[in-house]
N, C-alpha and C. Protein backbone atom coordinates (compact mmCIF):
# COMPACT_ATOMS: atom_id res chain seq x y z
N MET A 1 0.85 -1.18 0.00
CA MET A 1 0.00 0.00 0.00
C MET A 1 0.90 1.24 0.00
N ALA A 2 0.59 2.17 -0.84
CA ALA A 2 1.39 3.39 -0.91
C ALA A 2 0.47 4.59 -0.93
N GLY A 3 1.03 5.75 -0.69
CA GLY A 3 0.23 6.96 -0.74
C GLY A 3 -0.24 7.39 0.63
N THR A 4 -1.36 8.12 0.60
CA THR A 4 -1.89 8.67 1.85
C THR A 4 -3.36 8.29 2.01
N VAL A 5 -3.84 8.43 3.24
CA VAL A 5 -5.24 8.17 3.55
C VAL A 5 -5.83 9.38 4.27
N VAL A 6 -7.15 9.42 4.29
CA VAL A 6 -7.88 10.43 5.05
C VAL A 6 -8.34 9.73 6.32
N VAL A 7 -8.00 10.29 7.48
CA VAL A 7 -8.38 9.69 8.75
C VAL A 7 -9.51 10.50 9.36
N ALA A 8 -10.59 9.79 9.73
CA ALA A 8 -11.74 10.40 10.40
C ALA A 8 -11.65 10.04 11.87
N CYS A 9 -11.69 11.06 12.75
CA CYS A 9 -11.53 10.85 14.18
C CYS A 9 -12.64 11.56 14.94
N LYS A 10 -13.30 10.83 15.85
CA LYS A 10 -14.37 11.41 16.65
C LYS A 10 -13.94 11.65 18.10
N HIS A 11 -12.72 11.25 18.46
CA HIS A 11 -12.22 11.50 19.82
C HIS A 11 -12.07 13.01 19.96
N PRO A 12 -12.68 13.63 20.98
CA PRO A 12 -12.73 15.10 21.06
C PRO A 12 -11.39 15.79 20.87
N ASN A 13 -10.33 15.33 21.52
CA ASN A 13 -9.05 16.03 21.44
C ASN A 13 -8.13 15.48 20.36
N GLY A 14 -8.62 14.54 19.57
CA GLY A 14 -7.78 13.95 18.55
C GLY A 14 -6.83 12.94 19.17
N MET A 15 -5.84 12.53 18.42
CA MET A 15 -4.89 11.52 18.90
C MET A 15 -3.51 11.79 18.31
N ILE A 16 -2.50 11.31 19.01
CA ILE A 16 -1.15 11.29 18.48
C ILE A 16 -0.81 9.82 18.26
N LEU A 17 -0.61 9.45 17.00
CA LEU A 17 -0.36 8.05 16.66
C LEU A 17 1.15 7.79 16.66
N ARG A 18 1.54 6.68 17.30
CA ARG A 18 2.93 6.26 17.35
C ARG A 18 2.98 4.75 17.14
N LEU A 19 4.08 4.24 16.62
CA LEU A 19 4.25 2.81 16.43
C LEU A 19 5.19 2.25 17.50
N PHE A 20 4.89 1.02 17.92
CA PHE A 20 5.68 0.36 18.96
C PHE A 20 6.10 -1.03 18.49
N ASP A 21 7.16 -1.54 19.09
CA ASP A 21 7.61 -2.92 18.88
C ASP A 21 7.63 -3.60 20.24
N MET A 22 7.31 -4.91 20.24
CA MET A 22 7.38 -5.68 21.48
C MET A 22 8.82 -6.18 21.66
N VAL A 23 9.40 -5.90 22.83
CA VAL A 23 10.79 -6.24 23.13
C VAL A 23 10.81 -7.08 24.40
N LYS A 24 11.62 -8.13 24.40
CA LYS A 24 11.75 -8.97 25.60
C LYS A 24 12.78 -8.33 26.52
N VAL A 25 12.38 -8.12 27.78
CA VAL A 25 13.27 -7.53 28.79
C VAL A 25 13.22 -8.39 30.04
N MET A 26 14.28 -8.30 30.83
CA MET A 26 14.37 -9.05 32.09
C MET A 26 14.08 -8.11 33.25
N TYR A 27 13.21 -8.55 34.17
CA TYR A 27 12.87 -7.78 35.35
C TYR A 27 13.22 -8.58 36.60
N ASP A 28 13.66 -7.87 37.64
CA ASP A 28 13.92 -8.51 38.92
C ASP A 28 12.60 -8.93 39.55
N VAL A 29 12.61 -10.07 40.22
CA VAL A 29 11.43 -10.60 40.88
C VAL A 29 11.64 -10.51 42.38
N GLN A 30 10.58 -10.17 43.11
CA GLN A 30 10.68 -10.07 44.56
C GLN A 30 11.11 -11.42 45.12
N GLY A 31 12.09 -11.42 46.00
CA GLY A 31 12.62 -12.66 46.56
C GLY A 31 13.83 -13.17 45.81
N GLY A 32 14.25 -12.46 44.79
CA GLY A 32 15.43 -12.86 44.02
C GLY A 32 15.05 -13.49 42.69
N GLY A 33 15.96 -13.44 41.79
CA GLY A 33 15.72 -14.01 40.48
C GLY A 33 15.26 -12.97 39.48
N LYS A 34 15.03 -13.43 38.28
CA LYS A 34 14.58 -12.55 37.20
C LYS A 34 13.52 -13.29 36.38
N ARG A 35 12.71 -12.49 35.66
CA ARG A 35 11.76 -13.10 34.73
C ARG A 35 11.73 -12.27 33.46
N GLU A 36 11.44 -12.97 32.36
CA GLU A 36 11.40 -12.32 31.06
C GLU A 36 9.97 -11.84 30.78
N VAL A 37 9.86 -10.59 30.35
CA VAL A 37 8.56 -9.97 30.07
C VAL A 37 8.65 -9.26 28.73
N GLU A 38 7.55 -9.31 27.96
CA GLU A 38 7.49 -8.52 26.73
C GLU A 38 6.98 -7.13 27.07
N GLU A 39 7.66 -6.12 26.53
CA GLU A 39 7.32 -4.75 26.82
C GLU A 39 7.25 -3.97 25.51
N ALA A 40 6.27 -3.08 25.40
CA ALA A 40 6.14 -2.26 24.20
C ALA A 40 7.11 -1.09 24.30
N ARG A 41 7.94 -0.93 23.27
CA ARG A 41 8.88 0.18 23.20
C ARG A 41 8.65 0.92 21.89
N GLU A 42 8.70 2.24 21.97
CA GLU A 42 8.48 3.02 20.75
C GLU A 42 9.52 2.67 19.70
N ARG A 43 9.05 2.51 18.48
CA ARG A 43 9.91 2.12 17.38
C ARG A 43 10.93 3.23 17.12
N PRO A 44 12.23 2.89 17.12
CA PRO A 44 13.25 3.91 16.88
C PRO A 44 13.08 4.55 15.50
N GLY A 45 13.16 5.86 15.46
CA GLY A 45 13.06 6.59 14.21
C GLY A 45 11.64 6.73 13.70
N SER A 46 10.67 6.22 14.45
CA SER A 46 9.28 6.31 14.02
C SER A 46 8.76 7.73 14.24
N LYS A 47 7.96 8.17 13.31
CA LYS A 47 7.39 9.51 13.42
C LYS A 47 6.10 9.48 14.23
N HIS A 48 5.70 10.63 14.73
CA HIS A 48 4.42 10.79 15.41
C HIS A 48 3.48 11.47 14.42
N VAL A 49 2.25 10.98 14.35
CA VAL A 49 1.26 11.57 13.45
C VAL A 49 0.13 12.14 14.29
N VAL A 50 -0.16 13.41 14.12
CA VAL A 50 -1.21 14.09 14.87
C VAL A 50 -2.51 13.99 14.07
N ILE A 51 -3.54 13.43 14.72
CA ILE A 51 -4.87 13.33 14.13
C ILE A 51 -5.76 14.30 14.87
N ASN A 52 -6.43 15.17 14.13
CA ASN A 52 -7.27 16.20 14.74
C ASN A 52 -8.58 15.63 15.25
N GLY A 53 -9.12 16.27 16.30
CA GLY A 53 -10.41 15.90 16.87
C GLY A 53 -11.38 17.06 16.80
N PRO A 54 -12.67 16.81 17.09
CA PRO A 54 -13.69 17.85 16.93
C PRO A 54 -13.74 18.93 18.01
N ALA A 55 -13.04 18.77 19.13
CA ALA A 55 -13.08 19.80 20.18
C ALA A 55 -12.35 21.05 19.72
N THR A 56 -12.94 22.21 20.00
CA THR A 56 -12.31 23.48 19.63
C THR A 56 -12.46 24.44 20.80
N PRO A 57 -11.50 25.34 20.98
CA PRO A 57 -11.65 26.34 22.02
C PRO A 57 -12.80 27.28 21.69
N PHE A 58 -13.36 27.91 22.71
CA PHE A 58 -14.47 28.83 22.50
C PHE A 58 -14.06 29.89 21.49
N GLY A 59 -14.87 30.06 20.47
CA GLY A 59 -14.60 31.05 19.44
C GLY A 59 -13.58 30.60 18.41
N GLY A 60 -13.03 29.38 18.58
CA GLY A 60 -12.03 28.88 17.65
C GLY A 60 -12.65 28.13 16.48
N ARG A 61 -11.82 27.73 15.57
CA ARG A 61 -12.27 26.97 14.41
C ARG A 61 -11.74 25.54 14.51
N PRO A 62 -12.50 24.57 13.98
CA PRO A 62 -11.97 23.20 13.95
C PRO A 62 -10.75 23.12 13.04
N LYS A 63 -9.89 22.13 13.29
CA LYS A 63 -8.66 22.00 12.52
C LYS A 63 -8.84 21.21 11.24
N GLY A 64 -10.07 20.97 10.86
CA GLY A 64 -10.35 20.25 9.63
C GLY A 64 -11.85 20.20 9.42
N PRO A 65 -12.29 19.71 8.26
CA PRO A 65 -13.73 19.62 8.04
C PRO A 65 -14.38 18.59 8.97
N ILE A 66 -15.58 18.91 9.47
CA ILE A 66 -16.31 18.01 10.35
C ILE A 66 -17.45 17.39 9.58
N GLU A 67 -17.52 16.06 9.60
CA GLU A 67 -18.59 15.31 8.94
C GLU A 67 -19.11 14.28 9.93
N GLY A 68 -20.38 14.38 10.31
CA GLY A 68 -20.98 13.41 11.21
C GLY A 68 -20.32 13.36 12.57
N GLY A 69 -19.71 14.46 13.00
CA GLY A 69 -19.03 14.50 14.30
C GLY A 69 -17.57 14.08 14.21
N TYR A 70 -17.12 13.62 13.07
CA TYR A 70 -15.72 13.24 12.85
C TYR A 70 -14.99 14.41 12.20
N VAL A 71 -13.74 14.60 12.59
CA VAL A 71 -12.89 15.58 11.91
C VAL A 71 -11.99 14.81 10.97
N LEU A 72 -11.85 15.30 9.76
CA LEU A 72 -11.03 14.62 8.76
C LEU A 72 -9.62 15.20 8.76
N THR A 73 -8.63 14.31 8.81
CA THR A 73 -7.22 14.69 8.74
C THR A 73 -6.68 14.10 7.45
N PHE A 74 -6.11 14.95 6.60
CA PHE A 74 -5.64 14.53 5.29
C PHE A 74 -4.14 14.27 5.28
N GLY A 75 -3.70 13.45 4.34
CA GLY A 75 -2.27 13.26 4.10
C GLY A 75 -1.56 12.35 5.09
N VAL A 76 -2.26 11.42 5.73
CA VAL A 76 -1.62 10.49 6.65
C VAL A 76 -1.03 9.34 5.83
N ASP A 77 0.22 9.01 6.06
CA ASP A 77 0.89 7.94 5.33
C ASP A 77 0.10 6.63 5.47
N ALA A 78 -0.24 6.03 4.35
CA ALA A 78 -1.11 4.84 4.34
C ALA A 78 -0.45 3.64 5.03
N GLU A 79 0.84 3.42 4.80
CA GLU A 79 1.52 2.28 5.43
C GLU A 79 1.61 2.47 6.94
N PHE A 80 1.92 3.68 7.36
CA PHE A 80 1.99 3.97 8.79
C PHE A 80 0.63 3.71 9.44
N PHE A 81 -0.44 4.24 8.83
CA PHE A 81 -1.77 4.09 9.42
C PHE A 81 -2.22 2.63 9.44
N ALA A 82 -1.92 1.88 8.40
CA ALA A 82 -2.28 0.45 8.38
C ALA A 82 -1.58 -0.30 9.50
N GLU A 83 -0.29 0.00 9.72
CA GLU A 83 0.45 -0.65 10.81
C GLU A 83 -0.10 -0.23 12.17
N TRP A 84 -0.45 1.05 12.31
CA TRP A 84 -1.01 1.53 13.57
C TRP A 84 -2.35 0.84 13.86
N MET A 85 -3.20 0.72 12.85
CA MET A 85 -4.50 0.04 13.02
C MET A 85 -4.30 -1.42 13.39
N LYS A 86 -3.29 -2.05 12.81
CA LYS A 86 -3.00 -3.45 13.14
C LYS A 86 -2.57 -3.58 14.60
N GLN A 87 -1.71 -2.67 15.06
CA GLN A 87 -1.22 -2.72 16.44
C GLN A 87 -2.33 -2.42 17.45
N HIS A 88 -3.36 -1.66 17.05
CA HIS A 88 -4.40 -1.23 17.97
C HIS A 88 -5.76 -1.84 17.68
N ARG A 89 -5.79 -2.94 16.94
CA ARG A 89 -7.07 -3.55 16.51
C ARG A 89 -7.95 -3.98 17.67
N ASP A 90 -7.39 -4.23 18.85
CA ASP A 90 -8.17 -4.69 20.00
C ASP A 90 -8.61 -3.57 20.93
N THR A 91 -8.31 -2.33 20.59
CA THR A 91 -8.67 -1.21 21.45
C THR A 91 -10.11 -0.76 21.17
N ASP A 92 -10.72 -0.16 22.18
CA ASP A 92 -12.11 0.29 22.03
C ASP A 92 -12.27 1.34 20.95
N TYR A 93 -11.31 2.26 20.82
CA TYR A 93 -11.48 3.32 19.82
C TYR A 93 -11.38 2.81 18.40
N VAL A 94 -10.77 1.67 18.17
CA VAL A 94 -10.78 1.07 16.83
C VAL A 94 -12.02 0.19 16.67
N LYS A 95 -12.31 -0.65 17.67
CA LYS A 95 -13.48 -1.53 17.60
C LYS A 95 -14.78 -0.73 17.46
N ASN A 96 -14.90 0.39 18.17
CA ASN A 96 -16.13 1.18 18.18
C ASN A 96 -16.13 2.27 17.10
N GLN A 97 -15.18 2.22 16.20
CA GLN A 97 -15.11 3.12 15.04
C GLN A 97 -14.99 4.60 15.42
N ILE A 98 -14.23 4.89 16.44
CA ILE A 98 -13.96 6.27 16.83
C ILE A 98 -12.91 6.87 15.89
N ILE A 99 -12.05 6.02 15.34
CA ILE A 99 -11.05 6.45 14.37
C ILE A 99 -11.06 5.45 13.22
N LYS A 100 -11.06 5.99 11.99
CA LYS A 100 -11.08 5.15 10.79
C LYS A 100 -10.29 5.83 9.69
N GLY A 101 -9.78 5.03 8.76
CA GLY A 101 -9.03 5.57 7.63
C GLY A 101 -9.72 5.23 6.31
N TYR A 102 -9.61 6.14 5.36
CA TYR A 102 -10.25 5.97 4.04
C TYR A 102 -9.27 6.37 2.96
N ASN A 103 -9.38 5.70 1.80
CA ASN A 103 -8.50 6.02 0.67
C ASN A 103 -8.91 7.31 -0.03
N LYS A 104 -10.21 7.62 -0.01
CA LYS A 104 -10.71 8.80 -0.72
C LYS A 104 -11.49 9.70 0.23
N GLU A 105 -11.42 11.00 -0.01
CA GLU A 105 -12.15 11.96 0.81
C GLU A 105 -13.66 11.71 0.72
N ALA A 106 -14.16 11.39 -0.46
CA ALA A 106 -15.60 11.16 -0.64
C ALA A 106 -16.08 9.99 0.23
N ASP A 107 -15.28 8.92 0.30
CA ASP A 107 -15.64 7.78 1.15
C ASP A 107 -15.67 8.18 2.62
N ALA A 108 -14.69 8.99 3.03
CA ALA A 108 -14.63 9.44 4.42
C ALA A 108 -15.85 10.27 4.78
N VAL A 109 -16.29 11.13 3.87
CA VAL A 109 -17.45 11.99 4.12
C VAL A 109 -18.71 11.14 4.24
N VAL A 110 -18.93 10.24 3.29
CA VAL A 110 -20.14 9.41 3.29
C VAL A 110 -20.20 8.51 4.52
N GLU A 111 -19.09 7.81 4.82
CA GLU A 111 -19.07 6.89 5.97
C GLU A 111 -19.18 7.64 7.30
N SER A 112 -18.55 8.80 7.41
CA SER A 112 -18.62 9.58 8.65
C SER A 112 -20.05 10.03 8.92
N ARG A 113 -20.77 10.41 7.87
CA ARG A 113 -22.18 10.80 8.04
C ARG A 113 -23.02 9.61 8.45
N LYS A 114 -22.71 8.42 7.93
CA LYS A 114 -23.45 7.21 8.31
C LYS A 114 -23.21 6.86 9.78
N LEU A 115 -22.01 7.16 10.28
CA LEU A 115 -21.63 6.81 11.66
C LEU A 115 -21.88 7.94 12.65
N GLU A 116 -22.71 8.90 12.29
CA GLU A 116 -22.96 10.05 13.16
C GLU A 116 -23.48 9.64 14.53
N SER A 117 -24.23 8.54 14.61
CA SER A 117 -24.82 8.11 15.89
C SER A 117 -23.81 7.44 16.82
N VAL A 118 -22.60 7.17 16.36
CA VAL A 118 -21.58 6.53 17.19
C VAL A 118 -21.23 7.47 18.35
N LYS A 119 -21.23 6.93 19.57
CA LYS A 119 -20.89 7.71 20.76
C LYS A 119 -19.50 7.33 21.25
N THR A 120 -18.75 8.33 21.69
CA THR A 120 -17.40 8.08 22.22
C THR A 120 -17.42 7.85 23.72
N GLY A 121 -18.47 8.33 24.39
CA GLY A 121 -18.50 8.30 25.85
C GLY A 121 -17.88 9.56 26.43
N LEU A 122 -17.42 10.46 25.58
CA LEU A 122 -16.79 11.70 26.04
C LEU A 122 -17.60 12.92 25.63
N GLU A 123 -18.86 12.70 25.27
CA GLU A 123 -19.73 13.82 24.89
C GLU A 123 -20.03 14.68 26.11
N PRO A 124 -20.25 15.99 25.92
CA PRO A 124 -20.58 16.86 27.05
C PRO A 124 -21.93 16.47 27.65
N ILE A 125 -22.10 16.74 28.93
CA ILE A 125 -23.35 16.44 29.64
C ILE A 125 -24.29 17.64 29.51
N ASP A 126 -25.54 17.36 29.22
CA ASP A 126 -26.57 18.40 29.16
C ASP A 126 -26.97 18.73 30.60
N PRO A 127 -26.68 19.92 31.11
CA PRO A 127 -26.96 20.24 32.51
C PRO A 127 -28.46 20.22 32.84
N SER A 128 -29.31 20.40 31.85
CA SER A 128 -30.74 20.38 32.14
C SER A 128 -31.27 18.94 32.24
N ARG A 129 -30.50 17.96 31.78
CA ARG A 129 -30.91 16.55 31.86
C ARG A 129 -29.71 15.70 32.27
N PRO A 130 -29.25 15.79 33.53
CA PRO A 130 -28.09 14.99 33.92
C PRO A 130 -28.44 13.50 33.96
N PRO A 131 -27.46 12.62 33.77
CA PRO A 131 -27.71 11.20 33.86
C PRO A 131 -28.21 10.81 35.26
N ALA A 132 -28.94 9.71 35.33
CA ALA A 132 -29.53 9.28 36.60
C ALA A 132 -28.48 9.08 37.68
N GLU A 133 -27.29 8.59 37.32
CA GLU A 133 -26.27 8.35 38.33
C GLU A 133 -25.72 9.63 38.95
N PHE A 134 -26.05 10.80 38.39
CA PHE A 134 -25.60 12.06 38.95
C PHE A 134 -26.65 12.73 39.82
N ALA A 135 -27.83 12.12 39.93
CA ALA A 135 -28.88 12.72 40.76
C ALA A 135 -28.40 12.74 42.21
N ARG A 136 -28.54 13.88 42.86
CA ARG A 136 -28.07 14.01 44.24
C ARG A 136 -29.13 13.47 45.19
N ARG A 137 -28.69 12.66 46.14
CA ARG A 137 -29.60 12.08 47.13
C ARG A 137 -28.93 12.12 48.49
N ARG A 138 -29.75 12.05 49.52
CA ARG A 138 -29.20 11.96 50.86
C ARG A 138 -30.02 10.94 51.64
N GLN A 139 -29.37 10.30 52.58
CA GLN A 139 -30.04 9.28 53.37
C GLN A 139 -30.83 9.96 54.48
N VAL A 140 -32.04 9.47 54.75
CA VAL A 140 -32.89 10.04 55.78
C VAL A 140 -32.94 9.06 56.94
N GLY A 141 -32.53 9.54 58.11
CA GLY A 141 -32.59 8.71 59.32
C GLY A 141 -31.72 7.47 59.20
N GLU A 142 -32.14 6.40 59.88
CA GLU A 142 -31.39 5.17 59.89
C GLU A 142 -31.82 4.23 58.77
N GLY A 143 -32.96 4.48 58.16
CA GLY A 143 -33.49 3.58 57.13
C GLY A 143 -32.76 3.72 55.82
N ALA A 144 -33.18 2.95 54.84
CA ALA A 144 -32.55 2.97 53.54
C ALA A 144 -33.34 3.80 52.54
N SER A 145 -34.31 4.58 53.03
CA SER A 145 -35.09 5.40 52.10
C SER A 145 -34.32 6.69 51.78
N TYR A 146 -34.58 7.25 50.63
CA TYR A 146 -33.88 8.44 50.18
C TYR A 146 -34.89 9.51 49.81
N SER A 147 -34.44 10.75 49.92
CA SER A 147 -35.26 11.86 49.46
C SER A 147 -34.35 12.86 48.76
N PRO A 148 -34.88 13.62 47.83
CA PRO A 148 -34.03 14.58 47.12
C PRO A 148 -33.53 15.67 48.06
N ILE A 149 -32.39 16.23 47.74
CA ILE A 149 -31.83 17.33 48.53
C ILE A 149 -32.66 18.58 48.26
N THR A 150 -33.00 19.27 49.31
CA THR A 150 -33.77 20.50 49.16
C THR A 150 -32.81 21.69 49.20
N PRO A 151 -33.13 22.75 48.49
CA PRO A 151 -32.24 23.91 48.48
C PRO A 151 -32.13 24.54 49.87
N ASP A 152 -30.97 25.06 50.19
CA ASP A 152 -30.72 25.70 51.46
C ASP A 152 -31.36 27.08 51.44
N THR A 153 -32.23 27.35 52.42
CA THR A 153 -32.92 28.64 52.46
C THR A 153 -32.13 29.68 53.23
N GLY A 154 -31.08 29.25 53.93
CA GLY A 154 -30.25 30.19 54.67
C GLY A 154 -30.77 30.47 56.05
N THR A 155 -31.85 29.84 56.48
CA THR A 155 -32.39 30.06 57.83
C THR A 155 -32.09 28.84 58.69
N LEU A 156 -32.02 29.08 60.00
CA LEU A 156 -31.77 27.99 60.94
C LEU A 156 -33.00 27.63 61.71
């Protein structure tokens, strides 16, 4: 595979992609002795690729076109991205399609719009409708019953 790909990313802050190699290293074991462990080490001479995300500062502009909540990053080396996807195939952001690569911009636009309903879990919370687990409660007396917290009136 040669050339470049268009990467669509829905992670709010984007990502910095790096390649790693698994290296066998020896570690000391409590009580004496050593054991061999595989450890991921950054590939020497490997470049870092910055993938843009949809989060922007107040009043700022996105760093690329947004389609279906994904920001498109152009010109990513195809071989690098294929190797990165292979190394990260078991991660949630690859499995859940938070980041994807496309050969053509048109494919990236169409597929990103189709995947608009994909959630990252990092979406902002609507303060007028907080999730149930954020509802404030307090215990009343010794029992297990609960009642909502009432606003403090400032009187004793």
